[in-house]
Every structure is written in C-alpha cells, then in structure tokens.
C-alpha cells in the first residue's frame, strides 16, 4: 500500500539502492527507506545556506526554522516547503496505518 502512495505522490524507486526518492529541485531530495515491517526512515537531503551552523541544533525543527529565517532565495524555500509537506503527509499516513 505504501508503494502505491509513494508512486501517487511522485516518488521514484532508486535503481541501485533500496529506497524511494523525490527531487524537489534546488538540490532538495526526500528519500524513503523501509527499515522493517511497517517502519520507514525519511531522509531529507538539502544544502545548508551560508550562515546557518547546522551542528548547533539538537532537533530537525530547529534547523528548519533557522533555514526559513535565513536570507535564502525564494526557490529554495519553496522546494523545502514542498518536501516538508510531503514528509508530514507520509508521517500521517504511516501513523494512521499503524
């Protein structure tokens, strides 16, 4: 069922590795990997804007807030918004399925 949802959301399966991914542009990619029965890992790959020290944050939410408040370009923030929206959507679907 999750495979069908991932396809409908525009994710593609990686040929070499065992994960699904979606490219949002601006070097932002969301990866979904199965790590067990009904368990998945979500990984957001993205560039960190200049001036944001990612090592000083303890939670992803803090890093995202710093990026949103940084002087990033509008296209990068738009891509990030779409990726985070898909992450939240997937987490909701997974939690409702369990």
N, C-alpha and C. Protein backbone atom coordinates (compact mmCIF):
# COMPACT_ATOMS: atom_id res chain seq x y z
N UNK A 1 0.81 -1.19 0.00
CA UNK A 1 0.00 0.00 0.00
C UNK A 1 0.86 1.26 0.00
N UNK A 2 1.94 1.25 0.78
CA UNK A 2 2.82 2.42 0.84
C UNK A 2 3.46 2.67 -0.53
N UNK A 3 3.78 1.61 -1.27
CA UNK A 3 4.37 1.77 -2.60
C UNK A 3 3.41 2.52 -3.50
N UNK A 4 2.14 2.20 -3.44
CA UNK A 4 1.13 2.88 -4.27
C UNK A 4 1.06 4.36 -3.90
N UNK A 5 1.09 4.66 -2.62
CA UNK A 5 1.04 6.05 -2.15
C UNK A 5 2.27 6.81 -2.60
N UNK A 6 3.45 6.18 -2.48
CA UNK A 6 4.68 6.84 -2.91
C UNK A 6 4.63 7.15 -4.40
N UNK A 7 4.16 6.21 -5.20
CA UNK A 7 4.05 6.45 -6.65
C UNK A 7 3.08 7.60 -6.93
N UNK A 8 1.94 7.61 -6.25
CA UNK A 8 0.95 8.65 -6.46
C UNK A 8 1.48 10.03 -6.06
N UNK A 9 2.39 10.06 -5.09
CA UNK A 9 2.97 11.32 -4.63
C UNK A 9 4.14 11.77 -5.51
N UNK A 10 4.53 10.95 -6.48
CA UNK A 10 5.61 11.33 -7.39
C UNK A 10 6.98 10.79 -7.03
N UNK A 11 7.07 9.86 -6.09
CA UNK A 11 8.34 9.27 -5.72
C UNK A 11 8.74 8.22 -6.76
N UNK A 12 10.05 8.05 -6.94
CA UNK A 12 10.58 7.04 -7.84
C UNK A 12 11.51 6.13 -7.06
N UNK A 13 11.59 4.89 -7.50
CA UNK A 13 12.47 3.92 -6.85
C UNK A 13 13.88 4.09 -7.39
N UNK A 14 14.85 4.09 -6.51
CA UNK A 14 16.25 4.18 -6.91
C UNK A 14 16.68 2.82 -7.48
N UNK A 15 17.37 2.84 -8.58
CA UNK A 15 17.78 1.60 -9.25
C UNK A 15 18.84 0.83 -8.47
N UNK A 16 19.81 1.54 -7.89
CA UNK A 16 20.92 0.87 -7.23
C UNK A 16 20.69 0.54 -5.77
N UNK A 17 19.98 1.40 -5.06
CA UNK A 17 19.76 1.21 -3.63
C UNK A 17 18.31 0.85 -3.38
N UNK A 18 17.99 0.56 -2.14
CA UNK A 18 16.65 0.12 -1.78
C UNK A 18 15.87 1.26 -1.12
N UNK A 19 15.63 2.34 -1.86
CA UNK A 19 14.84 3.43 -1.32
C UNK A 19 14.05 4.10 -2.44
N UNK A 20 13.08 4.91 -2.03
CA UNK A 20 12.29 5.73 -2.94
C UNK A 20 12.73 7.16 -2.74
N UNK A 21 12.67 7.98 -3.80
CA UNK A 21 13.08 9.37 -3.66
C UNK A 21 12.22 10.28 -4.51
N UNK A 22 12.21 11.55 -4.11
CA UNK A 22 11.53 12.59 -4.88
C UNK A 22 12.43 13.81 -4.89
N UNK A 23 12.68 14.33 -6.07
CA UNK A 23 13.54 15.50 -6.25
C UNK A 23 12.65 16.74 -6.35
N UNK A 24 12.89 17.71 -5.47
CA UNK A 24 12.09 18.93 -5.42
C UNK A 24 12.78 20.10 -6.10
N UNK A 25 13.94 19.87 -6.68
CA UNK A 25 14.72 20.94 -7.28
C UNK A 25 15.56 21.63 -6.22
N UNK A 26 16.47 22.46 -6.66
CA UNK A 26 17.34 23.21 -5.74
C UNK A 26 18.14 22.29 -4.82
N UNK A 27 18.50 21.10 -5.31
CA UNK A 27 19.28 20.11 -4.56
C UNK A 27 18.57 19.60 -3.31
N UNK A 28 17.24 19.60 -3.31
CA UNK A 28 16.47 19.08 -2.19
C UNK A 28 15.82 17.77 -2.63
N UNK A 29 16.15 16.69 -1.92
CA UNK A 29 15.66 15.36 -2.24
C UNK A 29 15.16 14.70 -0.96
N UNK A 30 13.97 14.11 -1.02
CA UNK A 30 13.42 13.37 0.11
C UNK A 30 13.52 11.88 -0.22
N UNK A 31 14.12 11.11 0.69
CA UNK A 31 14.29 9.66 0.50
C UNK A 31 13.45 8.92 1.53
N UNK A 32 12.83 7.83 1.09
CA UNK A 32 12.03 6.97 1.97
C UNK A 32 12.61 5.56 1.86
N UNK A 33 13.05 5.02 3.00
CA UNK A 33 13.66 3.70 3.04
C UNK A 33 12.91 2.83 4.03
N UNK A 34 12.60 1.60 3.63
CA UNK A 34 11.98 0.64 4.53
C UNK A 34 13.05 0.06 5.44
N UNK A 35 12.79 0.11 6.76
CA UNK A 35 13.77 -0.42 7.71
C UNK A 35 13.21 -1.59 8.51
N UNK A 36 12.04 -2.05 8.13
CA UNK A 36 11.41 -3.17 8.82
C UNK A 36 9.94 -3.20 8.48
N UNK A 37 9.26 -4.15 9.06
CA UNK A 37 7.83 -4.29 8.83
C UNK A 37 7.08 -3.05 9.34
N UNK A 38 6.41 -2.36 8.44
CA UNK A 38 5.65 -1.14 8.76
C UNK A 38 6.50 -0.03 9.36
N UNK A 39 7.80 -0.03 9.07
CA UNK A 39 8.67 1.03 9.55
C UNK A 39 9.45 1.61 8.37
N UNK A 40 9.49 2.93 8.30
CA UNK A 40 10.26 3.59 7.25
C UNK A 40 11.12 4.69 7.86
N UNK A 41 12.16 5.01 7.15
CA UNK A 41 13.05 6.11 7.53
C UNK A 41 12.92 7.19 6.47
N UNK A 42 12.71 8.43 6.90
CA UNK A 42 12.63 9.56 6.00
C UNK A 42 13.93 10.35 6.11
N UNK A 43 14.52 10.67 4.97
CA UNK A 43 15.78 11.41 4.96
C UNK A 43 15.64 12.58 3.99
N UNK A 44 15.89 13.78 4.49
CA UNK A 44 15.81 14.98 3.67
C UNK A 44 17.23 15.44 3.38
N UNK A 45 17.62 15.39 2.10
CA UNK A 45 18.94 15.87 1.67
C UNK A 45 18.77 17.25 1.08
N UNK A 46 19.53 18.20 1.60
CA UNK A 46 19.43 19.57 1.09
C UNK A 46 20.69 20.34 1.44
N UNK A 47 20.97 21.39 0.68
CA UNK A 47 22.12 22.23 1.03
C UNK A 47 21.77 23.13 2.21
N UNK A 48 22.75 23.38 3.03
CA UNK A 48 22.57 24.29 4.16
C UNK A 48 23.03 25.68 3.71
N UNK A 49 22.14 26.67 3.78
CA UNK A 49 22.54 28.02 3.34
C UNK A 49 23.72 28.57 4.14
N UNK A 50 24.48 29.41 3.49
CA UNK A 50 25.62 30.06 4.14
C UNK A 50 25.13 30.85 5.36
N UNK A 51 25.84 30.72 6.44
CA UNK A 51 25.48 31.44 7.65
C UNK A 51 24.67 30.62 8.65
N UNK A 52 24.25 29.42 8.26
CA UNK A 52 23.50 28.56 9.17
C UNK A 52 24.43 27.45 9.63
N UNK A 53 24.71 27.40 10.93
CA UNK A 53 25.59 26.39 11.51
C UNK A 53 24.73 25.22 11.98
N UNK A 54 24.65 24.18 11.15
CA UNK A 54 23.77 23.05 11.44
C UNK A 54 24.21 22.22 12.64
N UNK A 55 25.46 22.30 13.05
CA UNK A 55 25.95 21.49 14.17
C UNK A 55 25.46 22.01 15.52
N UNK A 56 24.92 23.22 15.55
CA UNK A 56 24.49 23.79 16.82
C UNK A 56 23.04 23.46 17.17
N UNK A 57 22.35 22.69 16.33
CA UNK A 57 20.94 22.37 16.57
C UNK A 57 20.77 20.94 17.03
N UNK A 58 19.85 20.74 17.97
CA UNK A 58 19.60 19.42 18.51
C UNK A 58 18.45 18.69 17.82
N UNK A 59 17.55 19.43 17.20
CA UNK A 59 16.38 18.83 16.57
C UNK A 59 16.26 19.33 15.13
N UNK A 60 15.70 18.52 14.24
CA UNK A 60 15.50 18.97 12.86
C UNK A 60 14.64 20.23 12.77
N UNK A 61 13.68 20.36 13.69
CA UNK A 61 12.79 21.52 13.66
C UNK A 61 13.57 22.82 13.85
N UNK A 62 14.60 22.78 14.71
CA UNK A 62 15.42 23.97 14.94
C UNK A 62 16.20 24.35 13.69
N UNK A 63 16.72 23.34 13.00
CA UNK A 63 17.47 23.60 11.77
C UNK A 63 16.55 24.17 10.69
N UNK A 64 15.38 23.60 10.53
CA UNK A 64 14.45 24.09 9.52
C UNK A 64 14.03 25.52 9.82
N UNK A 65 13.79 25.82 11.08
CA UNK A 65 13.43 27.19 11.47
C UNK A 65 14.56 28.16 11.12
N UNK A 66 15.80 27.77 11.38
CA UNK A 66 16.95 28.63 11.07
C UNK A 66 17.07 28.84 9.55
N UNK A 67 16.81 27.80 8.77
CA UNK A 67 16.89 27.92 7.32
C UNK A 67 15.80 28.85 6.80
N UNK A 68 14.58 28.68 7.32
CA UNK A 68 13.47 29.53 6.89
C UNK A 68 13.75 31.00 7.22
N UNK A 69 14.40 31.25 8.35
CA UNK A 69 14.70 32.62 8.75
C UNK A 69 15.99 33.18 8.16
N UNK A 70 16.71 32.35 7.40
CA UNK A 70 17.95 32.82 6.78
C UNK A 70 17.63 33.57 5.48
N UNK A 71 18.59 34.32 4.98
CA UNK A 71 18.35 35.06 3.73
C UNK A 71 18.47 34.15 2.50
N UNK A 72 17.74 33.02 2.48
CA UNK A 72 17.76 32.09 1.36
C UNK A 72 16.90 32.63 0.23
N UNK A 73 17.12 32.08 -0.96
CA UNK A 73 16.29 32.53 -2.07
C UNK A 73 14.91 31.86 -2.01
N UNK A 74 13.97 32.47 -2.68
CA UNK A 74 12.58 32.03 -2.63
C UNK A 74 12.39 30.63 -3.21
N UNK A 75 13.14 30.30 -4.26
CA UNK A 75 13.01 28.98 -4.88
C UNK A 75 13.45 27.86 -3.93
N UNK A 76 14.52 28.10 -3.19
CA UNK A 76 14.99 27.11 -2.22
C UNK A 76 13.94 26.91 -1.13
N UNK A 77 13.38 27.98 -0.61
CA UNK A 77 12.37 27.87 0.44
C UNK A 77 11.11 27.20 -0.08
N UNK A 78 10.74 27.45 -1.32
CA UNK A 78 9.57 26.81 -1.91
C UNK A 78 9.79 25.30 -2.04
N UNK A 79 10.96 24.89 -2.50
CA UNK A 79 11.29 23.46 -2.61
C UNK A 79 11.29 22.81 -1.24
N UNK A 80 11.85 23.50 -0.25
CA UNK A 80 11.88 22.98 1.12
C UNK A 80 10.47 22.82 1.67
N UNK A 81 9.61 23.78 1.41
CA UNK A 81 8.22 23.70 1.86
C UNK A 81 7.52 22.48 1.28
N UNK A 82 7.71 22.22 -0.01
CA UNK A 82 7.07 21.06 -0.64
C UNK A 82 7.60 19.75 -0.06
N UNK A 83 8.91 19.69 0.20
CA UNK A 83 9.50 18.48 0.77
C UNK A 83 8.99 18.24 2.19
N UNK A 84 8.94 19.28 3.00
CA UNK A 84 8.45 19.13 4.38
C UNK A 84 6.97 18.75 4.38
N UNK A 85 6.21 19.32 3.47
CA UNK A 85 4.79 18.99 3.35
C UNK A 85 4.62 17.50 3.03
N UNK A 86 5.42 16.97 2.11
CA UNK A 86 5.36 15.55 1.81
C UNK A 86 5.80 14.69 3.00
N UNK A 87 6.80 15.16 3.74
CA UNK A 87 7.25 14.42 4.93
C UNK A 87 6.12 14.30 5.94
N UNK A 88 5.45 15.40 6.20
CA UNK A 88 4.34 15.40 7.16
C UNK A 88 3.21 14.50 6.66
N UNK A 89 2.92 14.59 5.38
CA UNK A 89 1.86 13.77 4.78
C UNK A 89 2.20 12.28 4.95
N UNK A 90 3.44 11.89 4.65
CA UNK A 90 3.85 10.50 4.81
C UNK A 90 3.80 10.04 6.26
N UNK A 91 4.26 10.88 7.19
CA UNK A 91 4.22 10.51 8.60
C UNK A 91 2.78 10.29 9.06
N UNK A 92 1.86 11.13 8.60
CA UNK A 92 0.45 10.98 8.94
C UNK A 92 -0.09 9.67 8.40
N UNK A 93 0.21 9.35 7.15
CA UNK A 93 -0.27 8.11 6.53
C UNK A 93 0.29 6.90 7.28
N UNK A 94 1.57 6.94 7.61
CA UNK A 94 2.20 5.83 8.32
C UNK A 94 1.60 5.66 9.70
N UNK A 95 1.41 6.75 10.43
CA UNK A 95 0.84 6.68 11.77
C UNK A 95 -0.61 6.19 11.75
N UNK A 96 -1.38 6.63 10.76
CA UNK A 96 -2.76 6.16 10.66
C UNK A 96 -2.83 4.69 10.27
N UNK A 97 -1.83 4.22 9.53
CA UNK A 97 -1.79 2.82 9.11
C UNK A 97 -1.41 1.87 10.23
N UNK A 98 -0.73 2.38 11.24
CA UNK A 98 -0.29 1.52 12.36
C UNK A 98 -1.34 1.46 13.37
